[in-house]
C-alpha atoms as a PDB file:
ATOM      1  CA  UNK A   1       0.000   0.000   0.000  1.00  0.00           C
ATOM      2  CA  UNK A   2       2.814   2.371   0.914  1.00  0.00           C
ATOM      3  CA  UNK A   3       4.562   1.627  -2.407  1.00  0.00           C
ATOM      4  CA  UNK A   4       1.369   2.360  -4.330  1.00  0.00           C
ATOM      5  CA  UNK A   5       0.932   5.681  -2.524  1.00  0.00           C
ATOM      6  CA  UNK A   6       4.546   6.606  -3.273  1.00  0.00           C
ATOM      7  CA  UNK A   7       4.037   5.775  -6.947  1.00  0.00           C
ATOM      8  CA  UNK A   8       0.901   7.929  -7.119  1.00  0.00           C
ATOM      9  CA  UNK A   9       2.695  10.883  -5.521  1.00  0.00           C
ATOM     10  CA  UNK A  10       5.701  10.454  -7.804  1.00  0.00           C
ATOM     11  CA  UNK A  11       3.468  10.252 -10.872  1.00  0.00           C
ATOM     12  CA  UNK A  12       1.794  13.521  -9.921  1.00  0.00           C
ATOM     13  CA  UNK A  13       5.181  15.254  -9.721  1.00  0.00           C
ATOM     14  CA  UNK A  14       6.476  13.862 -13.035  1.00  0.00           C
ATOM     15  CA  UNK A  15       5.804  15.658 -16.299  1.00  0.00           C
ATOM     16  CA  UNK A  16       3.039  14.016 -18.345  1.00  0.00           C
ATOM     17  CA  UNK A  17       5.390  13.277 -21.260  1.00  0.00           C
ATOM     18  CA  UNK A  18       7.809  11.260 -19.086  1.00  0.00           C
ATOM     19  CA  UNK A  19       4.986   9.422 -17.339  1.00  0.00           C
ATOM     20  CA  UNK A  20       3.393   8.547 -20.676  1.00  0.00           C
ATOM     21  CA  UNK A  21       6.690   7.350 -22.155  1.00  0.00           C
ATOM     22  CA  UNK A  22       7.426   5.124 -19.161  1.00  0.00           C
ATOM     23  CA  UNK A  23       3.870   3.779 -18.909  1.00  0.00           C
ATOM     24  CA  UNK A  24       3.615   3.106 -22.639  1.00  0.00           C
ATOM     25  CA  UNK A  25       6.936   1.270 -22.719  1.00  0.00           C
ATOM     26  CA  UNK A  26       5.913  -0.836 -19.709  1.00  0.00           C
ATOM     27  CA  UNK A  27       2.679  -1.816 -21.458  1.00  0.00           C
ATOM     28  CA  UNK A  28       4.571  -2.731 -24.649  1.00  0.00           C
ATOM     29  CA  UNK A  29       7.074  -4.875 -22.749  1.00  0.00           C
ATOM     30  CA  UNK A  30       4.396  -6.734 -20.791  1.00  0.00           C
ATOM     31  CA  UNK A  31       2.130  -7.231 -23.824  1.00  0.00           C
ATOM     32  CA  UNK A  32       5.048  -8.321 -26.025  1.00  0.00           C
ATOM     33  CA  UNK A  33       5.362 -11.590 -24.147  1.00  0.00           C
ATOM     34  CA  UNK A  34       9.128 -11.927 -24.648  1.00  0.00           C
ATOM     35  CA  UNK A  35      10.241 -10.966 -21.157  1.00  0.00           C
ATOM     36  CA  UNK A  36      13.116 -12.489 -19.261  1.00  0.00           C
ATOM     37  CA  UNK A  37      11.842 -11.579 -15.783  1.00  0.00           C
ATOM     38  CA  UNK A  38       8.528 -11.776 -13.939  1.00  0.00           C
ATOM     39  CA  UNK A  39       6.028  -8.973 -14.696  1.00  0.00           C
ATOM     40  CA  UNK A  40       6.493  -7.555 -11.166  1.00  0.00           C
ATOM     41  CA  UNK A  41      10.154  -6.861 -12.012  1.00  0.00           C
ATOM     42  CA  UNK A  42       9.149  -4.642 -14.937  1.00  0.00           C
ATOM     43  CA  UNK A  43       6.424  -2.924 -12.925  1.00  0.00           C
ATOM     44  CA  UNK A  44       9.031  -2.029 -10.287  1.00  0.00           C
ATOM     45  CA  UNK A  45      11.107  -0.384 -13.035  1.00  0.00           C
ATOM     46  CA  UNK A  46       8.311   2.124 -13.620  1.00  0.00           C
ATOM     47  CA  UNK A  47       9.446   4.193 -10.620  1.00  0.00           C
ATOM     48  CA  UNK A  48      13.063   4.094 -11.828  1.00  0.00           C
ATOM     49  CA  UNK A  49      11.958   5.155 -15.302  1.00  0.00           C
ATOM     50  CA  UNK A  50       9.865   8.043 -13.980  1.00  0.00           C
ATOM     51  CA  UNK A  51      12.706   9.305 -11.798  1.00  0.00           C
ATOM     52  CA  UNK A  52      15.279   8.912 -14.587  1.00  0.00           C
ATOM     53  CA  UNK A  53      13.023  10.983 -16.835  1.00  0.00           C
ATOM     54  CA  UNK A  54      13.423  13.897 -14.428  1.00  0.00           C
ATOM     55  CA  UNK A  55      17.218  14.029 -14.748  1.00  0.00           C
ATOM     56  CA  UNK A  56      18.486  17.211 -16.420  1.00  0.00           C
ATOM     57  CA  UNK A  57      19.974  15.635 -19.560  1.00  0.00           C
ATOM     58  CA  UNK A  58      17.160  13.138 -20.172  1.00  0.00           C
ATOM     59  CA  UNK A  59      14.861  13.910 -23.081  1.00  0.00           C
ATOM     60  CA  UNK A  60      12.964  10.627 -22.749  1.00  0.00           C
ATOM     61  CA  UNK A  61      13.154   7.442 -20.673  1.00  0.00           C
ATOM     62  CA  UNK A  62      11.572   4.045 -21.235  1.00  0.00           C
ATOM     63  CA  UNK A  63      11.539   0.502 -19.914  1.00  0.00           C
ATOM     64  CA  UNK A  64      13.215  -2.044 -22.195  1.00  0.00           C
ATOM     65  CA  UNK A  65      12.395  -5.749 -22.413  1.00  0.00           C
ATOM     66  CA  UNK A  66      15.989  -6.500 -21.378  1.00  0.00           C
ATOM     67  CA  UNK A  67      15.149  -5.092 -17.937  1.00  0.00           C
ATOM     68  CA  UNK A  68      17.123  -1.917 -18.554  1.00  0.00           C
ATOM     69  CA  UNK A  69      16.089   1.708 -18.651  1.00  0.00           C
ATOM     70  CA  UNK A  70      16.498   3.276 -22.083  1.00  0.00           C
ATOM     71  CA  UNK A  71      17.485   6.945 -22.080  1.00  0.00           C
ATOM     72  CA  UNK A  72      17.416   9.378 -24.971  1.00  0.00           C
ATOM     73  CA  UNK A  73      19.716  12.214 -23.848  1.00  0.00           C
ATOM     74  CA  UNK A  74      19.038  15.875 -24.630  1.00  0.00           C
ATOM     75  CA  UNK A  75      22.744  16.461 -25.234  1.00  0.00           C
ATOM     76  CA  UNK A  76      24.609  13.500 -26.757  1.00  0.00           C
ATOM     77  CA  UNK A  77      28.113  14.821 -26.115  1.00  0.00           C
ATOM     78  CA  UNK A  78      30.529  12.552 -24.301  1.00  0.00           C
ATOM     79  CA  UNK A  79      30.707  14.796 -21.224  1.00  0.00           C
ATOM     80  CA  UNK A  80      26.930  15.201 -20.940  1.00  0.00           C
ATOM     81  CA  UNK A  81      26.295  11.477 -21.388  1.00  0.00           C
ATOM     82  CA  UNK A  82      29.010  10.556 -18.863  1.00  0.00           C
ATOM     83  CA  UNK A  83      27.477  12.943 -16.360  1.00  0.00           C
ATOM     84  CA  UNK A  84      24.015  11.449 -16.886  1.00  0.00           C
ATOM     85  CA  UNK A  85      25.411   7.918 -16.534  1.00  0.00           C
ATOM     86  CA  UNK A  86      27.114   8.922 -13.287  1.00  0.00           C
ATOM     87  CA  UNK A  87      23.917  10.467 -11.890  1.00  0.00           C
ATOM     88  CA  UNK A  88      21.843   7.453 -12.915  1.00  0.00           C
ATOM     89  CA  UNK A  89      24.229   4.901 -11.385  1.00  0.00           C
ATOM     90  CA  UNK A  90      24.607   6.817  -8.128  1.00  0.00           C
ATOM     91  CA  UNK A  91      20.840   7.036  -7.826  1.00  0.00           C
ATOM     92  CA  UNK A  92      20.084   3.474  -9.031  1.00  0.00           C
ATOM     93  CA  UNK A  93      23.198   1.361  -8.287  1.00  0.00           C
ATOM     94  CA  UNK A  94      21.480  -1.967  -9.032  1.00  0.00           C
ATOM     95  CA  UNK A  95      19.981  -0.982 -12.378  1.00  0.00           C
ATOM     96  CA  UNK A  96      21.110  -1.035 -16.004  1.00  0.00           C
ATOM     97  CA  UNK A  97      20.889   1.804 -18.496  1.00  0.00           C
ATOM     98  CA  UNK A  98      21.112   1.965 -22.266  1.00  0.00           C
ATOM     99  CA  UNK A  99      21.647   5.301 -24.000  1.00  0.00           C
ATOM    100  CA  UNK A 100      19.686   5.596 -27.216  1.00  0.00           C
ATOM    101  CA  UNK A 101      21.258   8.111 -29.563  1.00  0.00           C
ATOM    102  CA  UNK A 102      19.612   9.833 -32.460  1.00  0.00           C
ATOM    103  CA  UNK A 103      22.824  10.881 -34.219  1.00  0.00           C
ATOM    104  CA  UNK A 104      24.469   8.518 -36.707  1.00  0.00           C
ATOM    105  CA  UNK A 105      27.375   6.690 -35.117  1.00  0.00           C
ATOM    106  CA  UNK A 106      30.919   7.436 -36.154  1.00  0.00           C
ATOM    107  CA  UNK A 107      32.637   4.730 -38.204  1.00  0.00           C
ATOM    108  CA  UNK A 108      34.859   3.791 -35.226  1.00  0.00           C
ATOM    109  CA  UNK A 109      31.884   3.065 -32.949  1.00  0.00           C
ATOM    110  CA  UNK A 110      29.548   1.283 -35.392  1.00  0.00           C
ATOM    111  CA  UNK A 111      30.769  -2.165 -34.408  1.00  0.00           C
ATOM    112  CA  UNK A 112      30.228  -1.629 -30.683  1.00  0.00           C
ATOM    113  CA  UNK A 113      27.286  -3.579 -29.325  1.00  0.00           C
ATOM    114  CA  UNK A 114      24.365  -1.776 -27.820  1.00  0.00           C
ATOM    115  CA  UNK A 115      24.524  -3.558 -24.491  1.00  0.00           C
ATOM    116  CA  UNK A 116      23.192  -1.796 -21.413  1.00  0.00           C
ATOM    117  CA  UNK A 117      25.636  -0.401 -18.887  1.00  0.00           C
ATOM    118  CA  UNK A 118      25.461  -2.265 -15.583  1.00  0.00           C
ATOM    119  CA  UNK A 119      25.763   0.279 -12.785  1.00  0.00           C
ATOM    120  CA  UNK A 120      27.057  -2.272 -10.278  1.00  0.00           C
ATOM    121  CA  UNK A 121      30.085  -2.874 -12.525  1.00  0.00           C
ATOM    122  CA  UNK A 122      30.815   0.840 -12.863  1.00  0.00           C
ATOM    123  CA  UNK A 123      30.555   1.318  -9.123  1.00  0.00           C
ATOM    124  CA  UNK A 124      32.779  -1.707  -8.456  1.00  0.00           C
ATOM    125  CA  UNK A 125      30.051  -3.726  -6.740  1.00  0.00           C
ATOM    126  CA  UNK A 126      30.180  -6.657  -9.141  1.00  0.00           C
END
């Protein structure tokens, strides 16, 4: 009950665009049927998604079927993205994040996989 009340309060404070993006992505993941965790796991990510959407350099946040939070940054520069990654991992040390860029990748980075960043590894907890 307390968790539900917290979620309602948080949803009221979050901008409608972020709440819609997070809610829509959660619905898509759960309806898609190809999930690797129990539905409760993805529902718990809704709070993380909503809070991530409020970070200064986050244009949009969503829940991914991999169990990660997808972030479209406002500023895709290396420094801005590193700062956002640092903020995210300090706030959610057990979560994973995947930055979704809108710019075409440079030739040198095209072969890099789009695997989520595991915050526990960055923080040295894994």
